[in-house]
Amino acid sequence: MEAGTSLYTPRDMYRPCFLVVDREFPGSISTRKLVLETAKYNVLTAYSSDEAVTMLSRFPNVDAIVMDALEENSRCRSLVEQLRAVAPGIRIVLTSGRSHIDCGAVDLHLDNYNPRVLLDALTDIFPSMESNANYEDEQGRRVKNRLLDQ
């Protein structure tokens, strides 16, 4: 590689940032966070409704919110309303094990916890993410091959 050249341009290095909101079950949030980070996304986490609103207030430029459905529809709707009050245009993806959960004005409701379904849904919402990830994978292979050739 020539001096002064870079593998990535700022556009290529952009990675969407998601606020993940879950009930206070650290195991489930760490799994979802791990899935998203492994897919090369940036992740902020909140373990409660109050923490989610605070995090969104502090970091209003997150690209979307991925939240687990709360047990009570009214609490879930209340949280969605609070998040929309802080960031009216934010996209909200709801994950739940059931299709009958009603959290109000969410952009997408995934009625299962399958990591592949979540990643596919986020790629549909943010199509450039897939091309960035593919580009980074190809660049990683090139760097690895250069190192092995030395």
C-alpha atoms as a PDB file:
ATOM      1  CA  MET A   1       0.000   0.000   0.000  1.00  0.00           C
ATOM      2  CA  GLU A   2       1.301   3.448  -0.877  1.00  0.00           C
ATOM      3  CA  ALA A   3       2.177   5.860   1.898  1.00  0.00           C
ATOM      4  CA  GLY A   4      -0.721   8.139   2.743  1.00  0.00           C
ATOM      5  CA  THR A   5      -3.403   5.833   1.389  1.00  0.00           C
ATOM      6  CA  SER A   6      -6.087   4.321   3.511  1.00  0.00           C
ATOM      7  CA  LEU A   7      -8.150   1.181   3.272  1.00  0.00           C
ATOM      8  CA  TYR A   8     -11.287   3.074   4.285  1.00  0.00           C
ATOM      9  CA  THR A   9     -12.838   6.392   3.511  1.00  0.00           C
ATOM     10  CA  PRO A  10     -15.032   8.098   6.151  1.00  0.00           C
ATOM     11  CA  ARG A  11     -18.145   6.955   4.246  1.00  0.00           C
ATOM     12  CA  ASP A  12     -16.985   3.354   4.336  1.00  0.00           C
ATOM     13  CA  MET A  13     -16.256   3.502   8.053  1.00  0.00           C
ATOM     14  CA  TYR A  14     -19.758   4.689   8.974  1.00  0.00           C
ATOM     15  CA  ARG A  15     -21.475   2.167  11.166  1.00  0.00           C
ATOM     16  CA  PRO A  16     -25.013   2.725  12.357  1.00  0.00           C
ATOM     17  CA  CYS A  17     -25.524   3.041  16.079  1.00  0.00           C
ATOM     18  CA  PHE A  18     -28.449   1.373  17.808  1.00  0.00           C
ATOM     19  CA  LEU A  19     -29.879   1.922  21.247  1.00  0.00           C
ATOM     20  CA  VAL A  20     -30.851  -1.508  22.581  1.00  0.00           C
ATOM     21  CA  VAL A  21     -33.514  -1.437  25.284  1.00  0.00           C
ATOM     22  CA  ASP A  22     -34.350  -4.567  27.210  1.00  0.00           C
ATOM     23  CA  ARG A  23     -35.899  -5.596  30.455  1.00  0.00           C
ATOM     24  CA  GLU A  24     -33.495  -6.024  33.303  1.00  0.00           C
ATOM     25  CA  PHE A  25     -32.209  -9.393  32.142  1.00  0.00           C
ATOM     26  CA  PRO A  26     -28.512  -8.804  31.501  1.00  0.00           C
ATOM     27  CA  GLY A  27     -28.139 -12.150  29.711  1.00  0.00           C
ATOM     28  CA  SER A  28     -30.635 -11.271  27.007  1.00  0.00           C
ATOM     29  CA  ILE A  29     -29.331  -7.779  26.384  1.00  0.00           C
ATOM     30  CA  SER A  30     -25.749  -8.945  26.235  1.00  0.00           C
ATOM     31  CA  THR A  31     -26.748 -11.551  23.656  1.00  0.00           C
ATOM     32  CA  ARG A  32     -28.530  -8.985  21.466  1.00  0.00           C
ATOM     33  CA  LYS A  33     -25.642  -6.539  21.914  1.00  0.00           C
ATOM     34  CA  LEU A  34     -23.161  -9.264  20.953  1.00  0.00           C
ATOM     35  CA  VAL A  35     -25.161 -10.136  17.830  1.00  0.00           C
ATOM     36  CA  LEU A  36     -25.298  -6.501  16.697  1.00  0.00           C
ATOM     37  CA  GLU A  37     -21.670  -5.760  17.506  1.00  0.00           C
ATOM     38  CA  THR A  38     -20.535  -8.923  15.739  1.00  0.00           C
ATOM     39  CA  ALA A  39     -22.388  -7.618  12.694  1.00  0.00           C
ATOM     40  CA  LYS A  40     -20.231  -4.476  12.992  1.00  0.00           C
ATOM     41  CA  TYR A  41     -22.860  -2.129  14.440  1.00  0.00           C
ATOM     42  CA  ASN A  42     -22.300   0.282  17.301  1.00  0.00           C
ATOM     43  CA  VAL A  43     -24.554  -0.368  20.286  1.00  0.00           C
ATOM     44  CA  LEU A  44     -25.636   1.619  23.313  1.00  0.00           C
ATOM     45  CA  THR A  45     -27.585  -0.295  25.929  1.00  0.00           C
ATOM     46  CA  ALA A  46     -30.315   0.570  28.406  1.00  0.00           C
ATOM     47  CA  TYR A  47     -31.700  -1.817  31.000  1.00  0.00           C
ATOM     48  CA  SER A  48     -34.843   0.145  31.895  1.00  0.00           C
ATOM     49  CA  SER A  49     -37.351   2.574  30.406  1.00  0.00           C
ATOM     50  CA  ASP A  50     -35.901   5.495  32.357  1.00  0.00           C
ATOM     51  CA  GLU A  51     -32.375   4.650  31.272  1.00  0.00           C
ATOM     52  CA  ALA A  52     -33.531   4.383  27.638  1.00  0.00           C
ATOM     53  CA  VAL A  53     -35.027   7.871  27.675  1.00  0.00           C
ATOM     54  CA  THR A  54     -31.896   9.256  29.354  1.00  0.00           C
ATOM     55  CA  MET A  55     -29.586   7.535  26.860  1.00  0.00           C
ATOM     56  CA  LEU A  56     -31.586   8.807  23.898  1.00  0.00           C
ATOM     57  CA  SER A  57     -31.514  12.331  25.355  1.00  0.00           C
ATOM     58  CA  ARG A  58     -27.728  12.115  25.689  1.00  0.00           C
ATOM     59  CA  PHE A  59     -27.212  10.489  22.286  1.00  0.00           C
ATOM     60  CA  PRO A  60     -30.034  11.781  20.043  1.00  0.00           C
ATOM     61  CA  ASN A  61     -28.240  10.822  16.825  1.00  0.00           C
ATOM     62  CA  VAL A  62     -28.580   7.071  17.221  1.00  0.00           C
ATOM     63  CA  ASP A  63     -29.895   5.539  14.013  1.00  0.00           C
ATOM     64  CA  ALA A  64     -32.612   3.379  15.547  1.00  0.00           C
ATOM     65  CA  ILE A  65     -33.872   1.769  18.719  1.00  0.00           C
ATOM     66  CA  VAL A  66     -34.138  -1.991  19.132  1.00  0.00           C
ATOM     67  CA  MET A  67     -36.349  -2.745  22.086  1.00  0.00           C
ATOM     68  CA  ASP A  68     -37.746  -5.822  23.711  1.00  0.00           C
ATOM     69  CA  ALA A  69     -41.481  -5.743  24.380  1.00  0.00           C
ATOM     70  CA  LEU A  70     -42.359  -5.107  27.974  1.00  0.00           C
ATOM     71  CA  GLU A  71     -44.797  -7.444  29.673  1.00  0.00           C
ATOM     72  CA  GLU A  72     -47.557  -4.849  29.909  1.00  0.00           C
ATOM     73  CA  ASN A  73     -48.805  -3.171  26.717  1.00  0.00           C
ATOM     74  CA  SER A  74     -49.417   0.123  28.559  1.00  0.00           C
ATOM     75  CA  ARG A  75     -45.800   0.317  29.800  1.00  0.00           C
ATOM     76  CA  CYS A  76     -44.544  -0.512  26.326  1.00  0.00           C
ATOM     77  CA  ARG A  77     -46.720   2.166  24.683  1.00  0.00           C
ATOM     78  CA  SER A  78     -45.643   4.679  27.311  1.00  0.00           C
ATOM     79  CA  LEU A  79     -41.963   4.027  26.593  1.00  0.00           C
ATOM     80  CA  VAL A  80     -42.464   4.355  22.828  1.00  0.00           C
ATOM     81  CA  GLU A  81     -44.272   7.676  23.382  1.00  0.00           C
ATOM     82  CA  GLN A  82     -41.454   8.946  25.624  1.00  0.00           C
ATOM     83  CA  LEU A  83     -38.801   7.934  23.096  1.00  0.00           C
ATOM     84  CA  ARG A  84     -40.729   9.603  20.260  1.00  0.00           C
ATOM     85  CA  ALA A  85     -41.011  12.783  22.360  1.00  0.00           C
ATOM     86  CA  VAL A  86     -37.211  12.900  22.628  1.00  0.00           C
ATOM     87  CA  ALA A  87     -36.542  11.939  18.975  1.00  0.00           C
ATOM     88  CA  PRO A  88     -39.714  12.130  16.845  1.00  0.00           C
ATOM     89  CA  GLY A  89     -38.187  10.629  13.702  1.00  0.00           C
ATOM     90  CA  ILE A  90     -36.327   7.759  15.348  1.00  0.00           C
ATOM     91  CA  ARG A  91     -36.998   4.295  13.977  1.00  0.00           C
ATOM     92  CA  ILE A  92     -38.108   1.767  16.565  1.00  0.00           C
ATOM     93  CA  VAL A  93     -37.815  -1.983  16.060  1.00  0.00           C
ATOM     94  CA  LEU A  94     -39.734  -4.053  18.594  1.00  0.00           C
ATOM     95  CA  THR A  95     -38.783  -7.650  19.326  1.00  0.00           C
ATOM     96  CA  SER A  96     -41.076 -10.003  21.212  1.00  0.00           C
ATOM     97  CA  GLY A  97     -41.881 -13.645  21.454  1.00  0.00           C
ATOM     98  CA  ARG A  98     -45.512 -12.936  20.637  1.00  0.00           C
ATOM     99  CA  SER A  99     -47.323 -11.179  17.820  1.00  0.00           C
ATOM    100  CA  HIS A 100     -50.148  -9.794  19.963  1.00  0.00           C
ATOM    101  CA  ILE A 101     -47.973  -7.267  21.833  1.00  0.00           C
ATOM    102  CA  ASP A 102     -49.115  -3.692  21.147  1.00  0.00           C
ATOM    103  CA  CYS A 103     -46.549  -1.007  21.848  1.00  0.00           C
ATOM    104  CA  GLY A 104     -48.094   1.649  19.678  1.00  0.00           C
ATOM    105  CA  ALA A 105     -46.227   3.465  16.960  1.00  0.00           C
ATOM    106  CA  VAL A 106     -43.249   1.196  16.288  1.00  0.00           C
ATOM    107  CA  ASP A 107     -41.774   0.967  12.799  1.00  0.00           C
ATOM    108  CA  LEU A 108     -41.311  -2.784  12.831  1.00  0.00           C
ATOM    109  CA  HIS A 109     -42.466  -5.601  15.107  1.00  0.00           C
ATOM    110  CA  LEU A 110     -40.490  -8.835  15.000  1.00  0.00           C
ATOM    111  CA  ASP A 111     -42.441 -11.548  16.779  1.00  0.00           C
ATOM    112  CA  ASN A 112     -39.439 -13.742  17.486  1.00  0.00           C
ATOM    113  CA  TYR A 113     -35.937 -13.449  18.881  1.00  0.00           C
ATOM    114  CA  ASN A 114     -34.053 -15.022  15.996  1.00  0.00           C
ATOM    115  CA  PRO A 115     -30.805 -13.028  15.540  1.00  0.00           C
ATOM    116  CA  ARG A 116     -30.832 -13.570  11.745  1.00  0.00           C
ATOM    117  CA  VAL A 117     -34.345 -12.085  11.497  1.00  0.00           C
ATOM    118  CA  LEU A 118     -33.215  -9.019  13.454  1.00  0.00           C
ATOM    119  CA  LEU A 119     -30.103  -8.526  11.313  1.00  0.00           C
ATOM    120  CA  ASP A 120     -32.095  -8.970   8.092  1.00  0.00           C
ATOM    121  CA  ALA A 121     -34.667  -6.435   9.297  1.00  0.00           C
ATOM    122  CA  LEU A 122     -31.986  -3.875  10.149  1.00  0.00           C
ATOM    123  CA  THR A 123     -30.350  -4.406   6.763  1.00  0.00           C
ATOM    124  CA  ASP A 124     -33.739  -3.772   5.112  1.00  0.00           C
ATOM    125  CA  ILE A 125     -34.132  -0.544   7.101  1.00  0.00           C
ATOM    126  CA  PHE A 126     -30.528   0.554   6.472  1.00  0.00           C
ATOM    127  CA  PRO A 127     -29.508  -1.011   3.110  1.00  0.00           C
ATOM    128  CA  SER A 128     -26.081   0.659   3.079  1.00  0.00           C
ATOM    129  CA  MET A 129     -25.082  -1.355   6.152  1.00  0.00           C
ATOM    130  CA  GLU A 130     -24.816  -4.573   4.163  1.00  0.00           C
ATOM    131  CA  SER A 131     -22.589  -3.050   1.492  1.00  0.00           C
ATOM    132  CA  ASN A 132     -20.367  -1.465   4.179  1.00  0.00           C
ATOM    133  CA  ALA A 133     -20.031  -4.804   5.967  1.00  0.00           C
ATOM    134  CA  ASN A 134     -19.223  -6.593   2.699  1.00  0.00           C
ATOM    135  CA  TYR A 135     -16.654  -3.910   1.845  1.00  0.00           C
ATOM    136  CA  GLU A 136     -15.031  -4.221   5.273  1.00  0.00           C
ATOM    137  CA  ASP A 137     -14.936  -8.022   4.999  1.00  0.00           C
ATOM    138  CA  GLU A 138     -13.222  -7.785   1.604  1.00  0.00           C
ATOM    139  CA  GLN A 139     -10.738  -5.204   2.915  1.00  0.00           C
ATOM    140  CA  GLY A 140     -10.016  -7.431   5.925  1.00  0.00           C
ATOM    141  CA  ARG A 141      -9.273 -10.363   3.618  1.00  0.00           C
ATOM    142  CA  ARG A 142      -6.912  -8.201   1.549  1.00  0.00           C
ATOM    143  CA  VAL A 143      -5.019  -7.004   4.622  1.00  0.00           C
ATOM    144  CA  LYS A 144      -4.755 -10.573   5.934  1.00  0.00           C
ATOM    145  CA  ASN A 145      -3.458 -11.797   2.560  1.00  0.00           C
ATOM    146  CA  ARG A 146      -0.853  -8.977   2.444  1.00  0.00           C
ATOM    147  CA  LEU A 147       0.348  -9.869   5.933  1.00  0.00           C
ATOM    148  CA  LEU A 148       0.594 -13.552   5.035  1.00  0.00           C
ATOM    149  CA  ASP A 149       2.540 -12.721   1.867  1.00  0.00           C
ATOM    150  CA  GLN A 150       5.217 -10.798   3.785  1.00  0.00           C
END
